[in-house]
C-alpha atoms as a PDB file:
ATOM      1  CA  MET A   1      44.564  49.891  21.680  1.00  0.00           C
ATOM      2  CA  ILE A   2      41.428  47.921  22.487  1.00  0.00           C
ATOM      3  CA  GLN A   3      41.413  44.310  21.327  1.00  0.00           C
ATOM      4  CA  TRP A   4      37.888  43.305  20.285  1.00  0.00           C
ATOM      5  CA  PRO A   5      35.733  41.414  21.160  1.00  0.00           C
ATOM      6  CA  CYS A   6      35.171  42.802  24.648  1.00  0.00           C
ATOM      7  CA  ILE A   7      32.821  42.464  27.573  1.00  0.00           C
ATOM      8  CA  PHE A   8      31.194  45.296  29.466  1.00  0.00           C
ATOM      9  CA  LYS A   9      30.969  44.862  33.236  1.00  0.00           C
ATOM     10  CA  ILE A  10      28.241  46.820  34.962  1.00  0.00           C
ATOM     11  CA  ASP A  11      29.136  47.600  38.569  1.00  0.00           C
ATOM     12  CA  GLY A  12      26.958  45.773  41.095  1.00  0.00           C
ATOM     13  CA  ASP A  13      25.535  43.372  38.499  1.00  0.00           C
ATOM     14  CA  ASP A  14      26.826  39.933  37.503  1.00  0.00           C
ATOM     15  CA  GLU A  15      25.516  40.259  33.957  1.00  0.00           C
ATOM     16  CA  LEU A  16      28.151  40.841  31.292  1.00  0.00           C
ATOM     17  CA  LEU A  17      27.526  42.319  27.872  1.00  0.00           C
ATOM     18  CA  TYR A  18      29.417  40.729  24.991  1.00  0.00           C
ATOM     19  CA  LEU A  19      30.543  43.282  22.423  1.00  0.00           C
ATOM     20  CA  ALA A  20      31.964  42.128  19.110  1.00  0.00           C
ATOM     21  CA  SER A  21      33.095  45.597  18.019  1.00  0.00           C
ATOM     22  CA  GLU A  22      33.127  49.263  18.917  1.00  0.00           C
ATOM     23  CA  ALA A  23      30.021  49.713  16.761  1.00  0.00           C
ATOM     24  CA  SER A  24      28.140  47.174  18.908  1.00  0.00           C
ATOM     25  CA  LEU A  25      29.287  49.006  22.056  1.00  0.00           C
ATOM     26  CA  ILE A  26      28.005  52.329  20.747  1.00  0.00           C
ATOM     27  CA  ALA A  27      24.705  50.722  19.712  1.00  0.00           C
ATOM     28  CA  GLU A  28      24.363  49.181  23.197  1.00  0.00           C
ATOM     29  CA  PHE A  29      25.070  52.526  24.863  1.00  0.00           C
ATOM     30  CA  GLU A  30      22.057  54.068  23.109  1.00  0.00           C
ATOM     31  CA  SER A  31      19.730  52.106  25.396  1.00  0.00           C
ATOM     32  CA  LEU A  32      21.964  51.286  28.365  1.00  0.00           C
ATOM     33  CA  ILE A  33      22.109  53.198  31.628  1.00  0.00           C
ATOM     34  CA  TRP A  34      25.735  52.993  32.731  1.00  0.00           C
ATOM     35  CA  SER A  35      27.973  54.791  35.194  1.00  0.00           C
ATOM     36  CA  ASP A  36      31.601  55.734  35.794  1.00  0.00           C
ATOM     37  CA  ASP A  37      32.005  52.552  37.869  1.00  0.00           C
ATOM     38  CA  ASP A  38      31.274  50.300  34.879  1.00  0.00           C
ATOM     39  CA  TYR A  39      34.131  49.209  32.648  1.00  0.00           C
ATOM     40  CA  LEU A  40      35.083  47.498  29.418  1.00  0.00           C
ATOM     41  CA  ILE A  41      37.395  44.462  29.378  1.00  0.00           C
ATOM     42  CA  ASP A  42      39.134  43.668  26.113  1.00  0.00           C
ATOM     43  CA  SER A  43      40.382  40.317  24.808  1.00  0.00           C
ATOM     44  CA  GLN A  44      43.783  40.879  26.412  1.00  0.00           C
ATOM     45  CA  GLY A  45      42.210  41.446  29.838  1.00  0.00           C
ATOM     46  CA  GLN A  46      42.845  45.187  29.889  1.00  0.00           C
ATOM     47  CA  GLY A  47      40.139  47.194  31.613  1.00  0.00           C
ATOM     48  CA  TYR A  48      38.965  50.551  30.292  1.00  0.00           C
ATOM     49  CA  LYS A  49      36.795  53.271  31.761  1.00  0.00           C
ATOM     50  CA  VAL A  50      34.489  54.634  29.094  1.00  0.00           C
ATOM     51  CA  ARG A  51      33.715  58.308  28.988  1.00  0.00           C
ATOM     52  CA  GLU A  52      31.317  59.989  26.586  1.00  0.00           C
ATOM     53  CA  VAL A  53      32.901  63.180  25.247  1.00  0.00           C
ATOM     54  CA  GLU A  54      29.946  64.155  23.072  1.00  0.00           C
ATOM     55  CA  ALA A  55      26.821  62.441  21.784  1.00  0.00           C
ATOM     56  CA  GLY A  56      27.943  59.103  20.331  1.00  0.00           C
ATOM     57  CA  ALA A  57      31.686  59.787  20.783  1.00  0.00           C
ATOM     58  CA  TYR A  58      33.606  57.935  23.483  1.00  0.00           C
ATOM     59  CA  VAL A  59      37.074  57.906  25.008  1.00  0.00           C
ATOM     60  CA  TYR A  60      38.527  54.698  26.455  1.00  0.00           C
ATOM     61  CA  GLU A  61      40.943  55.150  29.360  1.00  0.00           C
ATOM     62  CA  PRO A  62      42.997  52.112  30.445  1.00  0.00           C
ATOM     63  CA  CYS A  63      42.586  51.364  34.144  1.00  0.00           C
ATOM     64  CA  GLY A  64      44.666  49.136  36.359  1.00  0.00           C
ATOM     65  CA  ASN A  65      46.590  46.052  35.396  1.00  0.00           C
ATOM     66  CA  PRO A  66      45.117  43.589  32.905  1.00  0.00           C
ATOM     67  CA  LEU A  67      42.832  40.980  34.432  1.00  0.00           C
ATOM     68  CA  SER A  68      44.081  37.405  34.484  1.00  0.00           C
ATOM     69  CA  VAL A  69      42.327  34.475  32.858  1.00  0.00           C
ATOM     70  CA  SER A  70      41.268  33.417  36.345  1.00  0.00           C
ATOM     71  CA  GLN A  71      39.702  36.812  37.102  1.00  0.00           C
ATOM     72  CA  VAL A  72      37.803  36.903  33.802  1.00  0.00           C
ATOM     73  CA  THR A  73      36.693  33.304  34.337  1.00  0.00           C
ATOM     74  CA  ASP A  74      35.320  34.306  37.752  1.00  0.00           C
ATOM     75  CA  LEU A  75      33.315  37.119  36.119  1.00  0.00           C
ATOM     76  CA  ILE A  76      31.934  34.737  33.512  1.00  0.00           C
ATOM     77  CA  GLN A  77      31.074  32.111  36.139  1.00  0.00           C
ATOM     78  CA  ALA A  78      29.141  34.749  38.121  1.00  0.00           C
ATOM     79  CA  HIS A  79      27.409  35.833  34.910  1.00  0.00           C
ATOM     80  CA  GLU A  80      26.391  32.261  34.054  1.00  0.00           C
ATOM     81  CA  PHE A  81      25.357  31.542  37.659  1.00  0.00           C
ATOM     82  CA  SER A  82      22.964  34.502  37.514  1.00  0.00           C
ATOM     83  CA  LYS A  83      21.321  32.841  34.494  1.00  0.00           C
ATOM     84  CA  ALA A  84      21.377  29.378  36.182  1.00  0.00           C
ATOM     85  CA  GLU A  85      21.916  27.574  32.871  1.00  0.00           C
ATOM     86  CA  VAL A  86      25.439  26.105  33.038  1.00  0.00           C
ATOM     87  CA  CYS A  87      27.427  23.979  35.461  1.00  0.00           C
ATOM     88  CA  LEU A  88      30.034  26.418  36.806  1.00  0.00           C
ATOM     89  CA  THR A  89      32.803  23.876  37.270  1.00  0.00           C
ATOM     90  CA  LYS A  90      32.807  23.293  33.508  1.00  0.00           C
ATOM     91  CA  ILE A  91      33.615  26.929  32.798  1.00  0.00           C
ATOM     92  CA  GLN A  92      37.389  27.090  32.277  1.00  0.00           C
ATOM     93  CA  PHE A  93      39.463  28.928  29.674  1.00  0.00           C
ATOM     94  CA  LEU A  94      43.049  29.042  28.462  1.00  0.00           C
ATOM     95  CA  SER A  95      43.082  32.768  27.626  1.00  0.00           C
ATOM     96  CA  VAL A  96      41.115  35.939  28.266  1.00  0.00           C
ATOM     97  CA  GLY A  97      40.248  36.154  24.559  1.00  0.00           C
ATOM     98  CA  GLU A  98      38.839  32.621  24.611  1.00  0.00           C
ATOM     99  CA  ALA A  99      36.794  33.489  27.707  1.00  0.00           C
ATOM    100  CA  ILE A 100      35.316  36.589  26.132  1.00  0.00           C
ATOM    101  CA  ARG A 101      34.542  34.843  22.830  1.00  0.00           C
ATOM    102  CA  ALA A 102      32.640  32.172  24.798  1.00  0.00           C
ATOM    103  CA  LEU A 103      29.993  34.787  25.586  1.00  0.00           C
ATOM    104  CA  ALA A 104      29.304  35.365  21.881  1.00  0.00           C
ATOM    105  CA  VAL A 105      27.081  32.301  21.736  1.00  0.00           C
END
């Protein structure tokens, strides 16, 4: 079961999308061009492939082992570096959930 909030990682892009709920994911998908290589990461670090089964209805398939805090931190550092607004060495987290919630701001 997906633990919200989540982030959506678009393949080949450092930008991450913060998603507070499934409703926000579905709303984002209305205007987002995404592919099978993109994936959702929940607050426990579990990755999910998202597949649309019909208009506005999605299936979430777990993929791989959960990401570690270090791996999620690396994704967030790359995301922040692309925006060039934060000192990367100051970006550290104690849990995946804390890391994902940091993007809510």
